[in-house]
Protein backbone atom coordinates (compact mmCIF):
# COMPACT_ATOMS: atom_id res chain seq x y z
CA ARG A 1 -27.39 11.95 13.34
CA ARG A 2 -26.46 12.66 16.54
CA LEU A 3 -29.65 11.19 17.86
CA ASP A 4 -29.19 7.78 15.81
CA ARG A 5 -25.49 7.49 17.60
CA ASN A 6 -26.67 7.82 20.98
CA PHE A 7 -28.93 4.66 20.19
CA GLU A 8 -26.31 2.80 18.47
CA ASN A 9 -23.83 3.65 21.95
CA ILE A 10 -26.72 2.32 24.19
CA PHE A 11 -26.99 -0.79 22.64
CA ALA A 12 -22.85 -1.08 22.08
CA LEU A 13 -22.68 -0.27 25.31
CA ALA A 14 -25.53 -2.94 26.70
CA MET A 15 -23.98 -5.43 24.64
CA LEU A 16 -20.07 -5.07 25.66
CA CYS A 17 -21.33 -5.28 29.35
CA ALA A 18 -23.65 -8.23 28.25
CA TYR A 19 -20.33 -10.56 26.49
CA ASP A 20 -17.51 -9.11 29.01
CA PRO A 21 -15.50 -12.51 30.46
CA ALA A 22 -15.70 -10.85 33.96
CA VAL A 23 -19.92 -10.74 33.59
CA MET A 24 -19.88 -14.14 31.79
CA ARG A 25 -17.90 -15.56 34.64
CA VAL A 26 -20.04 -14.74 37.61
CA VAL A 27 -23.29 -16.04 35.25
CA SER A 28 -21.76 -19.26 34.91
CA ARG A 29 -21.09 -19.90 38.64
CA GLN A 30 -22.79 -22.69 40.11
CA GLU A 31 -22.35 -22.06 43.73
CA ARG A 32 -23.91 -18.76 44.58
CA GLU A 33 -22.40 -18.36 47.89
CA GLY A 34 -19.00 -18.27 49.47
CA GLY A 35 -16.24 -15.93 48.86
CA GLU A 36 -15.34 -16.90 45.12
CA PHE A 37 -19.01 -15.88 44.32
CA ILE A 38 -18.49 -12.31 45.96
CA ARG A 39 -15.29 -11.85 44.70
CA ASP A 40 -16.64 -12.79 40.89
CA SER A 41 -19.42 -10.71 41.71
CA LEU A 42 -17.28 -7.45 42.60
CA ASN A 43 -15.27 -8.34 39.40
CA ALA A 44 -18.09 -7.86 37.40
CA GLN A 45 -19.53 -4.54 39.02
CA ASP A 46 -15.95 -3.17 38.79
CA GLN A 47 -16.20 -4.09 35.31
CA LEU A 48 -19.83 -2.45 34.59
CA ASN A 49 -18.39 0.44 36.52
CA ALA A 50 -15.61 0.95 34.06
CA PHE A 51 -17.65 0.45 30.98
CA LEU A 52 -20.23 3.49 32.36
CA GLN A 53 -17.01 6.01 33.09
CA VAL A 54 -15.18 5.23 29.45
CA ALA A 55 -18.66 4.81 27.35
CA PRO A 56 -19.69 8.39 25.58
CA VAL A 57 -23.30 7.56 26.89
CA GLY A 58 -22.43 6.56 30.26
CA SER A 59 -23.77 10.41 31.81
CA TYR A 60 -27.12 9.16 30.78
CA ILE A 61 -27.20 5.64 32.31
CA ASP A 62 -29.61 5.81 35.47
CA ARG A 63 -29.67 1.64 36.04
CA LEU A 64 -27.40 -0.99 34.95
CA ILE A 65 -28.28 -4.27 36.93
CA LEU A 66 -27.39 -7.73 36.14
CA PHE A 67 -29.67 -10.44 37.90
CA ASP A 68 -31.08 -13.90 37.48
CA ASN A 69 -33.80 -16.32 39.52
CA ARG A 70 -31.49 -17.50 41.51
CA GLY A 71 -29.93 -14.96 43.54
CA LEU A 72 -27.85 -13.07 41.30
CA PHE A 73 -27.79 -9.32 42.38
CA VAL A 74 -24.96 -6.80 40.79
CA GLN A 75 -25.76 -3.43 40.22
CA ALA A 76 -23.12 -0.78 38.87
CA ALA A 77 -22.78 2.92 40.33
CA ALA A 78 -25.29 4.56 37.58
CA ARG A 79 -26.61 8.47 37.97
CA GLN A 80 -29.50 6.79 40.08
CA TYR A 81 -28.65 5.03 43.52
CA GLY A 82 -30.22 1.41 43.66
CA ALA A 83 -32.72 0.19 45.83
CA ALA A 84 -33.54 -3.30 47.52
CA THR A 85 -36.78 -3.00 45.70
CA ASP A 86 -35.60 -2.84 42.24
CA LEU A 87 -35.34 -6.32 41.04
CA ASP A 88 -39.05 -6.73 42.12
CA ARG A 89 -39.87 -3.31 40.20
CA ILE A 90 -38.20 -5.04 37.28
CA ARG A 91 -39.90 -7.88 37.32
CA GLN A 92 -43.28 -6.06 37.17
CA LEU A 93 -42.34 -4.30 34.16
CA PRO A 94 -44.79 -4.80 31.07
CA LEU A 95 -41.06 -4.91 28.94
CA TYR A 96 -39.74 -7.61 31.12
CA ALA A 97 -43.37 -9.65 30.94
CA ARG A 98 -43.11 -9.34 27.30
CA PHE A 99 -39.18 -10.35 27.21
CA ILE A 100 -40.17 -13.51 29.44
CA ALA A 101 -43.20 -13.99 27.27
CA GLU A 102 -41.85 -14.25 23.77
CA ASN A 103 -38.29 -15.37 24.99
CA LEU A 104 -36.99 -12.41 23.34
CA PRO A 105 -33.11 -12.06 23.12
CA VAL A 106 -33.68 -8.27 23.65
CA ALA A 107 -36.32 -6.23 24.28
CA GLN A 108 -36.52 -2.33 24.28
CA GLY A 109 -38.98 0.44 24.59
CA PHE A 110 -39.78 4.01 26.55
CA GLY A 111 -41.79 3.47 29.56
CA ASP A 112 -41.66 3.42 33.29
CA ALA A 113 -38.57 3.63 35.21
CA VAL A 114 -37.61 1.15 38.31
CA LEU A 115 -37.48 4.60 40.40
CA PRO A 116 -40.41 5.09 41.91
CA THR A 117 -40.28 9.41 40.98
CA ASN A 118 -39.70 10.45 37.48
CA ARG A 119 -41.71 7.72 35.95
CA GLU A 120 -42.48 7.62 32.16
CA HIS A 121 -38.88 9.67 31.63
CA THR A 122 -37.29 6.28 30.58
CA PHE A 123 -35.99 4.21 27.78
CA ALA A 124 -35.34 0.83 29.05
CA LEU A 125 -33.18 -2.37 27.48
CA LEU A 126 -32.97 -5.96 28.44
CA ILE A 127 -30.47 -8.40 27.08
CA ARG A 128 -30.38 -11.97 27.98
CA VAL A 129 -26.71 -13.01 29.15
CA ARG A 130 -25.21 -16.42 28.52
CA GLY A 131 -22.84 -18.52 30.63
CA SER A 132 -19.90 -20.25 29.34
CA TYR A 133 -19.78 -23.05 26.76
CA TYR A 134 -19.84 -25.58 29.70
CA ASN A 135 -22.32 -23.74 31.93
CA PRO A 136 -24.66 -22.16 29.85
CA THR A 137 -26.70 -20.89 32.39
CA GLU A 138 -28.55 -17.24 31.73
CA ALA A 139 -29.07 -14.41 33.60
CA TYR A 140 -30.48 -10.61 32.65
CA LEU A 141 -28.97 -7.34 31.72
CA TYR A 142 -31.38 -4.49 32.50
CA MET A 143 -30.40 -0.97 31.40
CA GLU A 144 -32.38 2.14 32.25
CA THR A 145 -31.79 5.48 30.62
CA GLY A 146 -32.84 8.82 30.61
CA LEU A 147 -34.79 11.04 28.03
CA ASN A 148 -32.03 13.82 28.40
CA MET A 149 -29.92 11.69 25.68
CA ILE A 150 -32.89 12.92 23.40
CA THR A 151 -33.93 16.30 24.47
CA GLY A 152 -30.27 16.90 25.70
CA VAL A 153 -29.33 17.20 21.61
CA PHE A 154 -32.60 19.37 21.25
CA ARG A 155 -30.89 21.67 23.69
CA GLU A 156 -27.23 21.28 22.81
CA PHE A 157 -27.88 22.57 18.96
CA GLY A 158 -30.50 24.91 20.23
CA VAL A 159 -33.58 23.03 18.15
CA PRO A 160 -36.39 25.57 18.53
CA PRO A 161 -39.99 24.19 20.22
CA GLY A 162 -41.29 23.40 17.18
CA VAL A 163 -39.04 20.25 16.56
CA PHE A 164 -40.43 17.21 18.53
CA ALA A 165 -39.89 13.21 18.36
CA GLN A 166 -42.54 11.28 19.24
CA VAL A 167 -42.45 8.12 20.80
CA ARG A 168 -44.39 5.31 18.50
CA GLU A 169 -44.41 2.98 20.54
CA THR A 170 -44.12 2.34 24.57
CA THR A 171 -43.87 -0.50 27.01
CA SER A 172 -46.17 0.83 30.23
CA GLY A 173 -49.54 0.09 28.33
CA GLY A 174 -49.75 3.93 27.45
CA LYS A 175 -51.32 4.80 23.56
CA ALA A 176 -48.33 4.89 20.78
CA GLY A 177 -47.61 8.34 19.77
CA ALA A 178 -48.70 9.83 23.47
CA VAL A 179 -45.07 10.98 24.26
CA ILE A 180 -43.98 14.06 23.07
CA LEU A 181 -40.15 14.81 23.35
CA GLN A 182 -39.05 18.97 23.17
CA ASN A 183 -36.28 20.98 23.83
CA ASN A 184 -38.11 23.08 26.32
CA SER A 185 -40.86 20.29 27.45
CA PRO A 186 -39.28 17.36 27.85
CA ILE A 187 -41.57 15.17 28.81
CA THR A 188 -45.40 16.27 27.32
CA ASN A 189 -48.66 13.64 27.84
CA LEU A 190 -51.09 14.71 25.28
CA THR A 191 -54.52 12.70 25.19
CA THR A 192 -56.15 14.84 22.91
CA PRO A 193 -53.77 16.89 21.19
CA GLN A 194 -55.53 20.00 19.43
CA LYS A 195 -54.84 21.24 15.50
CA GLY A 196 -52.18 24.20 15.64
CA SER A 197 -50.51 22.45 18.74
CA VAL A 198 -47.51 21.03 18.89
CA GLY A 199 -48.12 17.01 18.68
CA TYR A 200 -50.51 17.19 16.62
CA ILE A 201 -50.77 14.85 13.37
CA PRO A 202 -54.17 13.72 11.93
CA PRO A 203 -54.44 10.11 10.78
CA ASP A 204 -53.49 9.32 7.18
CA THR A 205 -51.21 12.42 6.78
CA GLU A 206 -49.00 12.78 4.03
CA PHE A 207 -45.96 14.89 4.61
CA PRO A 208 -45.30 18.26 4.25
CA TYR A 209 -48.22 18.65 5.64
CA ARG A 210 -49.97 22.10 5.45
CA PHE A 211 -52.77 23.34 7.31
CA ARG A 212 -54.55 26.92 8.87
CA GLN A 213 -55.55 27.33 12.83
CA GLY A 214 -57.32 30.48 12.28
CA LYS A 215 -55.37 33.19 10.92
CA GLN A 216 -52.15 31.13 11.45
CA SER A 217 -50.59 28.99 8.58
CA TYR A 218 -48.24 25.50 9.63
CA ARG A 219 -46.05 23.38 7.95
CA LEU A 220 -45.49 20.02 9.34
CA ASP A 221 -42.31 17.97 7.99
CA ARG A 222 -41.60 14.35 8.99
CA MET A 223 -37.72 12.67 9.30
CA GLU A 224 -37.51 9.07 9.98
CA LEU A 225 -34.46 7.99 12.24
CA GLU A 226 -32.71 4.62 12.60
CA ASN A 227 -34.44 3.73 15.67
CA PRO A 228 -38.05 2.60 14.72
CA MET A 229 -39.53 3.79 17.81
CA LEU A 230 -38.87 7.49 17.71
CA VAL A 231 -40.21 9.68 14.49
CA LEU A 232 -39.02 13.48 14.30
CA TYR A 233 -41.26 16.28 13.21
CA ASN A 234 -40.85 19.83 12.51
CA GLN A 235 -43.55 22.26 12.80
CA VAL A 236 -43.25 25.68 11.18
CA ASP A 237 -45.46 28.56 11.81
CA VAL A 238 -45.32 29.63 8.12
CA THR A 239 -47.53 32.86 8.45
CA SER A 240 -44.76 35.24 8.44
CA LEU A 241 -44.16 34.82 5.44
CA THR A 242 -45.59 37.92 3.61
CA VAL A 243 -45.78 39.76 0.26
CA GLY A 244 -42.57 41.24 0.43
CA ASP A 245 -40.56 38.21 1.24
CA ARG A 246 -42.03 36.67 -1.39
CA GLN A 247 -40.65 39.60 -3.66
CA ILE A 248 -37.15 39.08 -1.75
CA LEU A 249 -37.42 35.34 -2.55
CA TYR A 250 -38.27 35.71 -5.92
CA THR A 251 -35.65 38.48 -6.45
CA VAL A 252 -32.87 35.55 -5.17
CA LEU A 253 -34.38 32.91 -7.52
CA GLY A 254 -33.67 34.97 -9.95
CA ALA A 255 -30.56 35.75 -9.26
CA ALA A 256 -29.78 32.23 -8.52
CA LEU A 257 -30.91 31.43 -12.11
CA LEU A 258 -28.79 33.86 -13.98
CA SER A 259 -26.00 32.77 -11.79
CA LEU A 260 -26.31 29.13 -13.11
CA PHE A 261 -26.84 30.04 -16.83
CA ALA A 262 -23.43 31.81 -16.57
CA ALA A 263 -22.11 28.92 -14.93
CA ILE A 264 -23.52 26.59 -17.43
CA GLY A 265 -21.79 28.97 -20.16
CA LEU A 266 -18.43 29.51 -18.77
CA GLY A 267 -18.49 25.18 -17.80
CA LEU A 268 -19.40 24.89 -21.56
CA THR A 269 -16.51 27.43 -22.58
CA LEU A 270 -13.61 25.83 -20.31
CA SER A 271 -15.01 22.66 -21.46
CA ALA A 272 -14.29 23.44 -25.21
CA ASN A 273 -10.94 25.02 -24.59
CA LEU A 274 -9.84 22.01 -22.26
CA THR A 275 -11.32 18.76 -23.94
CA ARG A 276 -9.49 20.08 -27.60
CA PRO A 277 -5.91 19.65 -26.06
CA ILE A 278 -6.88 16.54 -24.26
CA GLN A 279 -8.45 15.08 -27.54
CA ALA A 280 -5.14 15.79 -29.63
CA ILE A 281 -3.04 14.15 -26.60
CA ILE A 282 -5.41 11.05 -26.75
CA ASN A 283 -4.90 10.76 -30.42
CA ARG A 284 -1.13 11.37 -30.48
CA ILE A 285 -1.11 8.43 -28.13
CA HIS A 286 -3.12 6.53 -30.44
CA LYS A 287 -0.61 7.45 -33.58
CA ILE A 288 2.41 5.76 -30.87
CA TYR A 289 0.63 2.44 -30.07
CA GLU A 290 -1.21 2.25 -33.36
CA GLU A 291 1.14 3.71 -35.98
CA ASN A 292 4.62 3.27 -34.35
CA ASP A 293 4.81 6.87 -34.73
CA PHE A 294 7.42 8.20 -32.30
CA SER A 295 8.00 11.62 -34.09
CA TYR A 296 7.86 14.79 -31.96
CA ASP A 297 4.31 16.66 -31.89
CA PRO A 298 4.91 20.27 -30.92
CA GLU A 299 0.96 20.81 -31.17
CA ILE A 300 0.22 18.99 -27.78
CA GLU A 301 2.86 21.44 -26.27
CA LYS A 302 1.23 24.54 -27.06
CA THR A 303 -1.72 25.01 -24.52
CA GLY A 304 0.53 25.35 -21.75
CA GLY A 305 0.09 24.84 -17.99
CA GLU A 306 -0.43 21.46 -16.53
CA ILE A 307 -2.04 20.02 -20.18
CA GLY A 308 0.94 21.56 -21.72
CA ARG A 309 3.08 19.64 -19.59
CA ILE A 310 1.52 16.07 -20.07
CA GLY A 311 1.88 17.00 -23.72
CA LYS A 312 5.74 17.50 -23.20
CA THR A 313 6.05 14.45 -21.33
CA VAL A 314 4.07 12.46 -24.19
CA ASN A 315 6.47 13.82 -26.37
CA GLU A 316 9.68 13.10 -24.37
CA MET A 317 8.03 9.18 -23.53
CA SER A 318 7.93 8.67 -27.74
CA GLY A 319 11.29 10.18 -28.31
CA ASN A 320 12.84 8.04 -25.58
CA ILE A 321 10.80 5.05 -26.70
CA GLY A 322 12.13 5.54 -30.19
CA ARG A 323 15.65 5.56 -29.42
CA PHE A 324 15.31 2.70 -27.42
CA LEU A 325 14.11 0.92 -30.12
CA VAL A 326 17.07 2.05 -32.46
CA ARG A 327 19.28 0.65 -29.83
CA THR A 328 17.56 -2.50 -29.63
CA GLU A 329 18.15 -2.74 -33.61
CA GLU A 330 21.25 -2.01 -33.43
CA HIS A 331 22.68 -4.07 -30.48
CA TYR A 332 19.95 -7.26 -32.59
CA GLN A 333 22.38 -6.45 -35.62
CA GLU A 334 25.56 -6.63 -33.85
CA ARG A 335 24.68 -10.03 -32.27
CA LYS A 336 23.70 -11.42 -35.62
CA ARG A 337 27.15 -9.82 -37.30
CA ALA A 338 29.18 -11.62 -34.38
CA GLN A 339 27.14 -14.92 -34.87
CA ILE A 340 28.05 -14.89 -38.55
CA ALA A 341 31.42 -14.16 -37.79
CA LEU A 342 31.62 -17.20 -35.09
CA LEU A 343 30.19 -19.84 -37.41
CA GLN A 344 32.90 -18.32 -40.21
CA THR A 345 35.99 -19.00 -37.72
CA GLN A 346 34.95 -21.82 -35.28
CA LEU A 347 36.59 -25.23 -35.00
CA ASN A 348 35.47 -28.70 -34.16
CA PRO A 349 35.88 -28.38 -30.40
CA HIS A 350 36.10 -31.87 -29.62
CA PHE A 351 38.64 -32.86 -32.25
CA LEU A 352 40.84 -29.82 -30.67
CA TYR A 353 40.41 -31.18 -27.06
CA ASN A 354 40.92 -34.58 -28.13
CA THR A 355 44.38 -33.66 -29.89
CA LEU A 356 45.29 -31.28 -26.71
CA ASP A 357 44.63 -34.38 -24.18
CA SER A 358 46.80 -36.73 -26.38
CA ILE A 359 49.53 -34.47 -26.21
CA GLN A 360 49.25 -33.88 -22.23
CA TRP A 361 49.30 -37.59 -21.99
CA MET A 362 52.29 -38.29 -24.48
CA ALA A 363 54.16 -35.29 -22.18
CA LYS A 364 53.11 -37.52 -19.15
CA ILE A 365 54.81 -40.68 -20.64
CA GLN A 366 57.79 -39.24 -21.51
CA SER A 367 58.16 -37.44 -17.93
CA ASN A 368 57.66 -33.54 -19.26
CA PRO A 369 55.74 -32.28 -16.63
CA THR A 370 55.89 -28.79 -18.15
CA ILE A 371 54.25 -29.41 -21.14
CA ALA A 372 51.63 -31.74 -19.49
CA ASP A 373 50.91 -28.61 -17.02
CA PHE A 374 50.88 -26.40 -19.85
CA THR A 375 48.72 -28.48 -22.01
CA ARG A 376 45.96 -28.74 -19.24
CA ARG A 377 45.99 -25.18 -18.71
CA LEU A 378 45.33 -24.52 -22.76
CA ILE A 379 42.74 -27.25 -22.44
CA ASN A 380 40.87 -25.49 -19.70
CA LEU A 381 40.89 -22.26 -21.15
CA LEU A 382 39.61 -23.16 -24.48
CA ARG A 383 37.08 -25.48 -22.88
CA ASN A 384 35.64 -21.46 -21.00
CA ILE A 385 35.68 -19.83 -23.91
CA ASN A 386 34.08 -22.42 -26.04
CA THR A 387 31.21 -22.50 -23.04
CA ARG A 388 30.92 -18.55 -23.27
CA THR A 389 30.20 -18.33 -27.03
CA ALA A 390 27.98 -21.33 -27.04
CA ASN A 391 26.05 -20.07 -24.26
CA GLY A 392 26.12 -16.33 -25.68
CA GLU A 393 26.58 -13.26 -23.37
CA GLY A 394 25.63 -12.37 -19.88
CA THR A 395 26.86 -15.94 -18.49
CA ARG A 396 28.01 -14.93 -14.83
CA ILE A 397 30.57 -16.61 -12.71
CA THR A 398 31.80 -16.48 -9.67
CA LEU A 399 34.94 -13.74 -9.33
CA ARG A 400 36.68 -16.90 -8.37
CA GLU A 401 36.23 -18.78 -10.88
CA GLU A 402 37.14 -15.96 -13.17
CA LEU A 403 40.07 -15.85 -11.27
CA ARG A 404 41.01 -19.49 -12.32
CA ILE A 405 40.67 -18.85 -15.88
CA LEU A 406 42.47 -15.97 -15.49
CA GLU A 407 45.61 -17.83 -14.23
CA ASP A 408 45.22 -20.13 -16.78
CA TYR A 409 45.38 -17.92 -19.09
CA THR A 410 48.61 -15.81 -17.62
CA GLU A 411 50.36 -19.24 -17.13
CA VAL A 412 50.17 -19.94 -20.85
CA MET A 413 51.21 -16.57 -21.69
CA SER A 414 54.02 -16.81 -19.78
CA VAL A 415 55.42 -19.45 -21.99
CA ARG A 416 55.30 -17.15 -24.73
CA PHE A 417 56.42 -14.31 -23.20
CA MET A 418 59.43 -16.45 -21.24
CA GLY A 419 58.35 -15.02 -17.94
CA SER A 420 58.70 -11.34 -18.71
CA PHE A 421 55.37 -10.73 -16.49
CA GLU A 422 53.61 -11.39 -13.48
CA LEU A 423 50.26 -11.48 -12.16
CA ASP A 424 49.64 -10.50 -8.61
CA ASN A 425 46.31 -10.65 -7.30
CA ARG A 426 45.22 -8.49 -4.35
CA ILE A 427 41.63 -8.89 -4.73
CA PRO A 428 39.97 -9.41 -1.04
CA GLU A 429 38.42 -13.02 -0.25
CA ALA A 430 35.32 -11.26 0.74
CA PHE A 431 34.58 -10.43 -3.02
CA LEU A 432 35.42 -13.52 -4.32
CA ASP A 433 31.80 -15.09 -4.19
CA CYS A 434 30.83 -11.89 -6.62
CA ARG A 435 29.47 -12.45 -9.46
CA ILE A 436 30.85 -11.49 -12.56
CA PRO A 437 30.14 -12.04 -16.60
CA LYS A 438 32.71 -14.71 -17.92
CA LEU A 439 35.74 -13.94 -19.77
CA THR A 440 35.52 -9.89 -18.20
CA LEU A 441 38.89 -9.92 -17.03
CA GLN A 442 40.71 -12.20 -19.50
CA PRO A 443 40.32 -9.23 -22.61
CA LEU A 444 41.89 -6.65 -20.17
CA VAL A 445 45.08 -8.89 -19.10
CA GLU A 446 45.26 -9.83 -22.24
CA ASN A 447 45.45 -5.84 -23.57
CA ALA A 448 47.85 -5.41 -20.46
CA ILE A 449 50.28 -8.14 -21.99
CA LEU A 450 49.89 -7.11 -25.30
CA HIS A 451 50.47 -3.17 -25.06
CA GLY A 452 52.04 -3.18 -21.83
CA VAL A 453 54.87 -5.89 -21.90
CA GLU A 454 55.84 -6.74 -25.60
CA PRO A 455 56.15 -3.22 -26.56
CA SER A 456 58.21 -1.99 -23.18
CA GLY A 457 60.27 -5.05 -23.46
CA ARG A 458 60.97 -5.07 -19.59
CA PHE A 459 59.30 -7.27 -16.79
CA VAL A 460 55.62 -5.79 -15.92
CA VAL A 461 53.60 -6.79 -12.70
CA ILE A 462 50.16 -7.07 -13.65
CA THR A 463 48.24 -6.07 -10.25
CA LEU A 464 44.56 -7.13 -9.62
CA THR A 465 42.83 -5.44 -6.69
CA ALA A 466 38.65 -4.66 -5.66
CA VAL A 467 36.90 -1.96 -3.93
CA GLU A 468 33.51 -1.75 -2.89
CA ASP A 469 31.52 1.37 -3.94
CA GLY A 470 28.06 1.32 -2.51
CA ASN A 471 25.94 -1.30 -4.39
CA TYR A 472 28.56 -1.67 -7.01
CA LEU A 473 31.91 -3.52 -7.43
CA ASN A 474 35.47 -1.54 -8.62
CA ILE A 475 37.79 -4.26 -10.03
CA ILE A 476 40.95 -2.55 -10.97
CA VAL A 477 43.32 -4.05 -13.74
CA GLU A 478 46.61 -2.21 -13.18
CA ASP A 479 50.07 -2.86 -14.97
CA THR A 480 53.44 -1.45 -15.18
CA GLY A 481 54.45 -1.08 -18.42
CA GLY A 482 54.93 1.47 -21.71
CA GLY A 483 51.89 3.20 -21.08
CA MET A 484 49.88 4.69 -23.72
CA SER A 485 49.05 8.01 -25.18
CA PRO A 486 45.90 9.86 -25.68
CA GLU A 487 45.28 8.37 -29.21
CA GLN A 488 46.41 5.42 -28.51
CA LEU A 489 44.06 5.30 -25.03
CA GLU A 490 41.22 6.05 -27.70
CA THR A 491 42.06 3.25 -29.80
CA ILE A 492 41.93 0.79 -27.65
CA LYS A 493 38.30 2.05 -26.05
CA THR A 494 36.64 2.11 -29.45
CA ARG A 495 38.06 -0.72 -31.61
CA ASN A 496 35.09 -2.92 -32.57
CA ARG A 497 32.60 -0.34 -32.33
CA GLU A 498 32.51 0.01 -36.03
CA PRO A 499 29.94 -2.33 -37.42
CA GLY A 500 32.04 -5.42 -39.27
CA LYS A 501 35.10 -4.57 -38.33
CA LYS A 502 37.30 -7.20 -36.74
CA PRO A 503 39.16 -6.55 -33.81
CA GLY A 504 42.98 -4.92 -33.95
CA GLY A 505 45.73 -7.31 -33.15
CA PRO A 506 45.96 -10.81 -31.94
CA SER A 507 43.31 -11.79 -29.73
CA LEU A 508 42.21 -15.44 -27.80
CA ASN A 509 38.88 -15.18 -28.07
CA ASN A 510 37.88 -12.12 -30.37
CA ILE A 511 36.23 -10.31 -27.27
CA GLY A 512 37.61 -7.03 -27.29
CA VAL A 513 37.68 -4.39 -25.01
CA PRO A 514 34.69 -2.44 -26.46
CA ASN A 515 32.84 -5.58 -26.31
CA VAL A 516 33.53 -5.99 -22.69
CA ASP A 517 32.72 -2.52 -22.05
CA LYS A 518 29.12 -2.65 -24.13
CA GLU A 519 28.24 -5.90 -22.04
CA LEU A 520 28.73 -4.86 -19.14
CA ARG A 521 26.27 -1.59 -19.95
CA LEU A 522 23.61 -3.96 -21.52
CA LEU A 523 23.56 -6.22 -18.30
CA TYR A 524 23.45 -3.88 -15.49
CA ASP A 525 23.14 0.07 -16.35
CA GLU A 526 25.31 3.16 -17.70
CA THR A 527 26.81 3.50 -14.62
CA CYS A 528 28.50 0.22 -15.48
CA GLY A 529 31.51 -0.54 -17.77
CA LEU A 530 35.15 -0.25 -18.27
CA PHE A 531 36.79 3.09 -17.24
CA PHE A 532 40.75 3.92 -18.28
CA GLU A 533 43.46 5.70 -17.03
CA SER A 534 47.18 5.66 -18.64
CA ARG A 535 50.37 7.89 -18.42
CA LEU A 536 52.65 7.17 -21.37
CA GLY A 537 55.98 5.34 -20.27
CA GLU A 538 54.45 5.01 -16.62
CA TYR A 539 51.00 2.83 -16.08
CA THR A 540 47.80 1.94 -17.29
CA ARG A 541 45.10 1.07 -15.22
CA VAL A 542 41.24 -0.18 -16.00
CA THR A 543 38.36 -0.40 -13.88
CA VAL A 544 35.80 -2.59 -13.98
CA ARG A 545 32.47 -1.27 -12.51
CA ILE A 546 29.53 -3.71 -11.98
CA LEU A 547 27.18 -4.42 -9.99
CA LYS A 548 27.66 -6.68 -6.60
CA GLU A 549 25.60 -9.58 -6.54
CA GLN A 550 26.62 -12.45 -4.56
CA GLU A 551 26.38 -15.90 -5.80
CA ASN A 552 23.62 -17.25 -3.24
CA ALA A 553 21.68 -14.05 -3.69
């Protein structure tokens, strides 16, 4: 893997240099003289030097030269110093001749180096460099790499001398397979390798290849690399594997087999102990969704551990689903009863509205604005109640609209109670665009009038306030009436909860305080609803807790 990675990094560095904007700019320049050409050449050289500095294989690069046939010659500062004759030597290489003759985009190979000394110790790479789209000129990038990128890996990992890499192809005209790379012998030219010596590979060999040379026995193994020009071999002297060593080997193999059988037996036992409780959980889940059986099953919790906890979770889940289905059925039955009661008591709204509208116009004709205003408010109130009844629970309006309905209701009730109460609205303007279920506050104010104003016989102030509590909005309805005892308060909270029981006392819309509480909990969550406080002879306070929802959300 390390050898393959070195070759990958070499190719990546060459492609990075070839497609760098500074390199393409100097290649595209038509004029090869003057200050701008020199400046672009220096910029390209600086960029090539920068790539060499940061590249993981930069320490292996001997030559990095950019050139063309029109005088461009840019050489990076690699391991070897450049010479004036470098360009001529590159053009004399067999690699360059094949690169030009076959019009290859990339050419690579092992062979002679440009430097006069240390020849055949190099891996060379040639790449065509294109100019810009508007000036498609062409240049060449030549990279020369020392073979220590291969032998250095051998030394780094302490590879024994029997491991060697053979070059399948050369570009110097030499015979393929004639270059052997080793840790202790970086380059060896073998013309006729002898049997038993490193590098001896008979033709048509099947691997692993075993052979003897005198009293010595050898085994030769081959491993292919991703780079097709190199193949890795390992030649091992197996003569030292004596009879004693074989006995040790047989003992180790016997112990390994016994351990394997023991592991298989233990695995089968553990598998049986794990499979049964898991299968019991699977069967329980099948009962839940196929038979709607949500009963508690203690068997799936007996195992203990993680599987027992999973069984406990399944039991809790089935119990929660069963309870949810029961609550859903109860809610459905309550809605059916409410709809039946509504059908039994429903009036023709158009007849009623037309009648009240006639009364309103008669009052205006007779110059009685009080009765006309009273009738208008009563029409608005009845329309809102009828709209909520027709649309069902959950219809939401802004708090501003809810307060208008409340204003109509209190004006109508003030006539009945001859102004014995006052509605004081202190809700901040910032909360008036929050959404609230329609006719949530009216039953509470009605309750305050019936249980606070009427029994006490004194003037009562009903105050509306609102405070923010995180993601929730608390709307408070408080009256200064006679208050309620704990028994009376419990009656108010529980009224209408028994199936089929009608609201106690007169009510405008038959909604009832308990139904408002149920509706809020169903629409939001169990933390929402109505919360009561009262002290006999002093006050009654009801807090409406809902999720804060703006009209434009």
